[in-house]
Amino acid sequence: MEDEEGRVLLGLRHPDSAYAGRTWHFLAGHCEREPAVGCLVREAHEEAGLVIDPSDAQYAHAVHLLDGPGAPPRMQLVFRVRRWQGTPEVREPDKCLAWQWWWPERLPEPIVPYTRAAIDGIRAGRPYTELGW
């Protein structure tokens, strides 16, 4: 999610979250037998109350990563969305404490490493990053 000023939307993960507690992360989720853009549309609504038209999602970056020793490899697809309906709100307080807009050159810490890698890659014009290999 990128607003008209070029800031990106990040959520502060709940400390007890199963993944990356107490870190900043962009809207994300697991596909549930659905296309990747459909997952983005669903997760944005579930997590932040935002309504996205699938045609407004543009592929921006992929991160192929290993999160740690013994972890299975994962592929994170990142889409840029510049148009939506609604204002970000916390709709899953057990997963996210707050939503906030950040300038890409001044991202908060701590941040999920692949979130930073994707944002940095997008800013540099790279479509792909490998992380943790």
C-alpha atoms as a PDB file:
ATOM      1  CA  MET A   1       0.000   0.000   0.000  1.00  0.00           C
ATOM      2  CA  GLU A   2       1.443   3.333  -1.033  1.00  0.00           C
ATOM      3  CA  ASP A   3      -0.359   6.621  -0.385  1.00  0.00           C
ATOM      4  CA  GLU A   4      -0.385   9.708  -2.619  1.00  0.00           C
ATOM      5  CA  GLU A   5       2.694  11.052  -0.788  1.00  0.00           C
ATOM      6  CA  GLY A   6       4.725   7.887  -1.452  1.00  0.00           C
ATOM      7  CA  ARG A   7       4.533   6.526   2.098  1.00  0.00           C
ATOM      8  CA  VAL A   8       4.019   2.801   2.740  1.00  0.00           C
ATOM      9  CA  LEU A   9       1.538   1.267   5.165  1.00  0.00           C
ATOM     10  CA  LEU A  10       3.026  -0.948   7.871  1.00  0.00           C
ATOM     11  CA  GLY A  11       1.425  -2.688  10.817  1.00  0.00           C
ATOM     12  CA  LEU A  12       3.007  -3.317  14.218  1.00  0.00           C
ATOM     13  CA  ARG A  13       2.689  -7.045  14.886  1.00  0.00           C
ATOM     14  CA  HIS A  14       1.203  -8.097  18.226  1.00  0.00           C
ATOM     15  CA  PRO A  15       3.880  -9.317  20.711  1.00  0.00           C
ATOM     16  CA  ASP A  16       2.153 -12.729  20.910  1.00  0.00           C
ATOM     17  CA  SER A  17       1.792 -13.077  17.137  1.00  0.00           C
ATOM     18  CA  ALA A  18       2.838 -16.462  15.750  1.00  0.00           C
ATOM     19  CA  TYR A  19       5.105 -14.664  13.270  1.00  0.00           C
ATOM     20  CA  ALA A  20       7.408 -11.698  13.876  1.00  0.00           C
ATOM     21  CA  GLY A  21       5.918 -10.347  17.093  1.00  0.00           C
ATOM     22  CA  ARG A  22       6.779  -6.724  17.972  1.00  0.00           C
ATOM     23  CA  THR A  23       7.981  -5.943  14.444  1.00  0.00           C
ATOM     24  CA  TRP A  24       6.623  -3.766  11.629  1.00  0.00           C
ATOM     25  CA  HIS A  25       5.320  -5.574   8.566  1.00  0.00           C
ATOM     26  CA  PHE A  26       3.256  -4.782   5.491  1.00  0.00           C
ATOM     27  CA  LEU A  27      -0.154  -6.289   4.790  1.00  0.00           C
ATOM     28  CA  ALA A  28       0.463  -9.952   4.117  1.00  0.00           C
ATOM     29  CA  GLY A  29      -1.095 -13.355   4.368  1.00  0.00           C
ATOM     30  CA  HIS A  30      -1.265 -16.883   3.068  1.00  0.00           C
ATOM     31  CA  CYS A  31      -3.209 -17.735  -0.056  1.00  0.00           C
ATOM     32  CA  GLU A  32      -6.221 -19.905   0.708  1.00  0.00           C
ATOM     33  CA  ARG A  33      -6.703 -21.704  -2.618  1.00  0.00           C
ATOM     34  CA  GLU A  34      -7.041 -18.332  -4.331  1.00  0.00           C
ATOM     35  CA  PRO A  35      -4.963 -16.236  -6.728  1.00  0.00           C
ATOM     36  CA  ALA A  36      -2.275 -14.046  -5.127  1.00  0.00           C
ATOM     37  CA  VAL A  37      -4.148 -10.817  -5.923  1.00  0.00           C
ATOM     38  CA  GLY A  38      -7.318 -12.312  -4.443  1.00  0.00           C
ATOM     39  CA  CYS A  39      -5.345 -13.040  -1.277  1.00  0.00           C
ATOM     40  CA  LEU A  40      -4.161  -9.416  -1.157  1.00  0.00           C
ATOM     41  CA  VAL A  41      -7.719  -8.115  -1.554  1.00  0.00           C
ATOM     42  CA  ARG A  42      -9.036 -10.452   1.162  1.00  0.00           C
ATOM     43  CA  GLU A  43      -6.194  -9.797   3.633  1.00  0.00           C
ATOM     44  CA  ALA A  44      -6.415  -6.009   3.212  1.00  0.00           C
ATOM     45  CA  HIS A  45     -10.088  -6.154   4.121  1.00  0.00           C
ATOM     46  CA  GLU A  46      -9.677  -8.664   6.974  1.00  0.00           C
ATOM     47  CA  GLU A  47      -6.636  -7.003   8.551  1.00  0.00           C
ATOM     48  CA  ALA A  48      -7.192  -3.302   7.884  1.00  0.00           C
ATOM     49  CA  GLY A  49     -10.751  -2.788   6.617  1.00  0.00           C
ATOM     50  CA  LEU A  50      -9.548  -1.621   3.201  1.00  0.00           C
ATOM     51  CA  VAL A  51     -11.366  -2.389  -0.048  1.00  0.00           C
ATOM     52  CA  ILE A  52      -9.125  -2.929  -3.066  1.00  0.00           C
ATOM     53  CA  ASP A  53     -10.216  -3.469  -6.646  1.00  0.00           C
ATOM     54  CA  PRO A  54      -8.025  -6.325  -7.961  1.00  0.00           C
ATOM     55  CA  SER A  55      -7.218  -4.266 -11.074  1.00  0.00           C
ATOM     56  CA  ASP A  56      -5.493  -1.698  -8.817  1.00  0.00           C
ATOM     57  CA  ALA A  57      -2.866  -4.221  -7.619  1.00  0.00           C
ATOM     58  CA  GLN A  58       0.354  -4.169  -9.641  1.00  0.00           C
ATOM     59  CA  TYR A  59       3.100  -6.760  -9.227  1.00  0.00           C
ATOM     60  CA  ALA A  60       6.128  -5.013  -7.702  1.00  0.00           C
ATOM     61  CA  HIS A  61       8.611  -7.509  -6.237  1.00  0.00           C
ATOM     62  CA  ALA A  62       9.325 -11.096  -5.169  1.00  0.00           C
ATOM     63  CA  VAL A  63      11.475 -12.162  -2.220  1.00  0.00           C
ATOM     64  CA  HIS A  64      12.746 -15.761  -2.124  1.00  0.00           C
ATOM     65  CA  LEU A  65      13.815 -16.396   1.448  1.00  0.00           C
ATOM     66  CA  LEU A  66      14.870 -18.717   4.198  1.00  0.00           C
ATOM     67  CA  ASP A  67      13.734 -17.401   7.584  1.00  0.00           C
ATOM     68  CA  GLY A  68      16.211 -19.499   9.549  1.00  0.00           C
ATOM     69  CA  PRO A  69      18.059 -22.812   9.840  1.00  0.00           C
ATOM     70  CA  GLY A  70      15.790 -25.663   8.859  1.00  0.00           C
ATOM     71  CA  ALA A  71      13.008 -23.326   7.742  1.00  0.00           C
ATOM     72  CA  PRO A  72      11.331 -24.180   4.448  1.00  0.00           C
ATOM     73  CA  PRO A  73      12.036 -21.777   1.598  1.00  0.00           C
ATOM     74  CA  ARG A  74       9.275 -19.249   0.938  1.00  0.00           C
ATOM     75  CA  MET A  75       8.385 -16.949  -1.918  1.00  0.00           C
ATOM     76  CA  GLN A  76       6.816 -13.612  -0.996  1.00  0.00           C
ATOM     77  CA  LEU A  77       4.994 -11.804  -3.794  1.00  0.00           C
ATOM     78  CA  VAL A  78       4.629  -8.072  -3.229  1.00  0.00           C
ATOM     79  CA  PHE A  79       2.078  -5.903  -5.005  1.00  0.00           C
ATOM     80  CA  ARG A  80       1.890  -2.117  -5.135  1.00  0.00           C
ATOM     81  CA  VAL A  81      -1.546  -0.634  -4.500  1.00  0.00           C
ATOM     82  CA  ARG A  82      -2.052   3.113  -4.820  1.00  0.00           C
ATOM     83  CA  ARG A  83      -5.844   3.213  -4.816  1.00  0.00           C
ATOM     84  CA  TRP A  84      -8.331   1.733  -2.335  1.00  0.00           C
ATOM     85  CA  GLN A  85     -11.394   2.598  -0.305  1.00  0.00           C
ATOM     86  CA  GLY A  86     -11.346   3.120   3.452  1.00  0.00           C
ATOM     87  CA  THR A  87      -8.956   4.188   6.189  1.00  0.00           C
ATOM     88  CA  PRO A  88      -6.614   1.615   7.767  1.00  0.00           C
ATOM     89  CA  GLU A  89      -8.010   0.306  11.034  1.00  0.00           C
ATOM     90  CA  VAL A  90      -6.956  -2.518  13.344  1.00  0.00           C
ATOM     91  CA  ARG A  91      -9.416  -5.338  12.669  1.00  0.00           C
ATOM     92  CA  GLU A  92      -7.365  -8.237  14.042  1.00  0.00           C
ATOM     93  CA  PRO A  93      -5.973  -6.917  17.348  1.00  0.00           C
ATOM     94  CA  ASP A  94      -4.545 -10.335  18.212  1.00  0.00           C
ATOM     95  CA  LYS A  95      -2.236  -9.984  15.176  1.00  0.00           C
ATOM     96  CA  CYS A  96      -1.678  -6.241  14.726  1.00  0.00           C
ATOM     97  CA  LEU A  97      -1.592  -3.372  17.236  1.00  0.00           C
ATOM     98  CA  ALA A  98      -1.499  -0.376  14.871  1.00  0.00           C
ATOM     99  CA  TRP A  99      -1.257   0.730  11.241  1.00  0.00           C
ATOM    100  CA  GLN A 100       0.993   3.624  10.327  1.00  0.00           C
ATOM    101  CA  TRP A 101       2.302   5.308   7.167  1.00  0.00           C
ATOM    102  CA  TRP A 102       6.104   5.455   6.789  1.00  0.00           C
ATOM    103  CA  TRP A 103       8.466   7.080   4.303  1.00  0.00           C
ATOM    104  CA  PRO A 104      10.362   4.286   2.496  1.00  0.00           C
ATOM    105  CA  GLU A 105      13.693   5.937   3.269  1.00  0.00           C
ATOM    106  CA  ARG A 106      12.831   6.117   7.010  1.00  0.00           C
ATOM    107  CA  LEU A 107      11.351   2.732   7.843  1.00  0.00           C
ATOM    108  CA  PRO A 108      10.831   1.843  11.509  1.00  0.00           C
ATOM    109  CA  GLU A 109      12.799  -0.690  13.523  1.00  0.00           C
ATOM    110  CA  PRO A 110      12.406  -3.477  14.138  1.00  0.00           C
ATOM    111  CA  ILE A 111      10.963  -4.432  10.770  1.00  0.00           C
ATOM    112  CA  VAL A 112      10.455  -7.876   9.238  1.00  0.00           C
ATOM    113  CA  PRO A 113      13.613  -8.418   7.128  1.00  0.00           C
ATOM    114  CA  TYR A 114      11.787  -9.434   3.959  1.00  0.00           C
ATOM    115  CA  THR A 115       9.539  -6.368   4.278  1.00  0.00           C
ATOM    116  CA  ARG A 116      12.603  -4.105   4.238  1.00  0.00           C
ATOM    117  CA  ALA A 117      14.194  -6.160   1.434  1.00  0.00           C
ATOM    118  CA  ALA A 118      11.068  -5.826  -0.721  1.00  0.00           C
ATOM    119  CA  ILE A 119      10.675  -2.087  -0.130  1.00  0.00           C
ATOM    120  CA  ASP A 120      14.377  -1.486  -0.827  1.00  0.00           C
ATOM    121  CA  GLY A 121      14.178  -3.646  -3.967  1.00  0.00           C
ATOM    122  CA  ILE A 122      11.136  -1.779  -5.259  1.00  0.00           C
ATOM    123  CA  ARG A 123      12.848   1.573  -4.657  1.00  0.00           C
ATOM    124  CA  ALA A 124      15.923   0.329  -6.561  1.00  0.00           C
ATOM    125  CA  GLY A 125      13.809  -0.950  -9.470  1.00  0.00           C
ATOM    126  CA  ARG A 126      14.703  -4.606  -8.856  1.00  0.00           C
ATOM    127  CA  PRO A 127      11.902  -7.147  -9.324  1.00  0.00           C
ATOM    128  CA  TYR A 128      13.533  -9.923  -7.234  1.00  0.00           C
ATOM    129  CA  THR A 129      15.543 -10.398  -4.021  1.00  0.00           C
ATOM    130  CA  GLU A 130      17.037 -13.473  -2.337  1.00  0.00           C
ATOM    131  CA  LEU A 131      17.288 -13.338   1.448  1.00  0.00           C
ATOM    132  CA  GLY A 132      18.773 -15.747   3.990  1.00  0.00           C
ATOM    133  CA  TRP A 133      20.378 -18.161   1.532  1.00  0.00           C
END
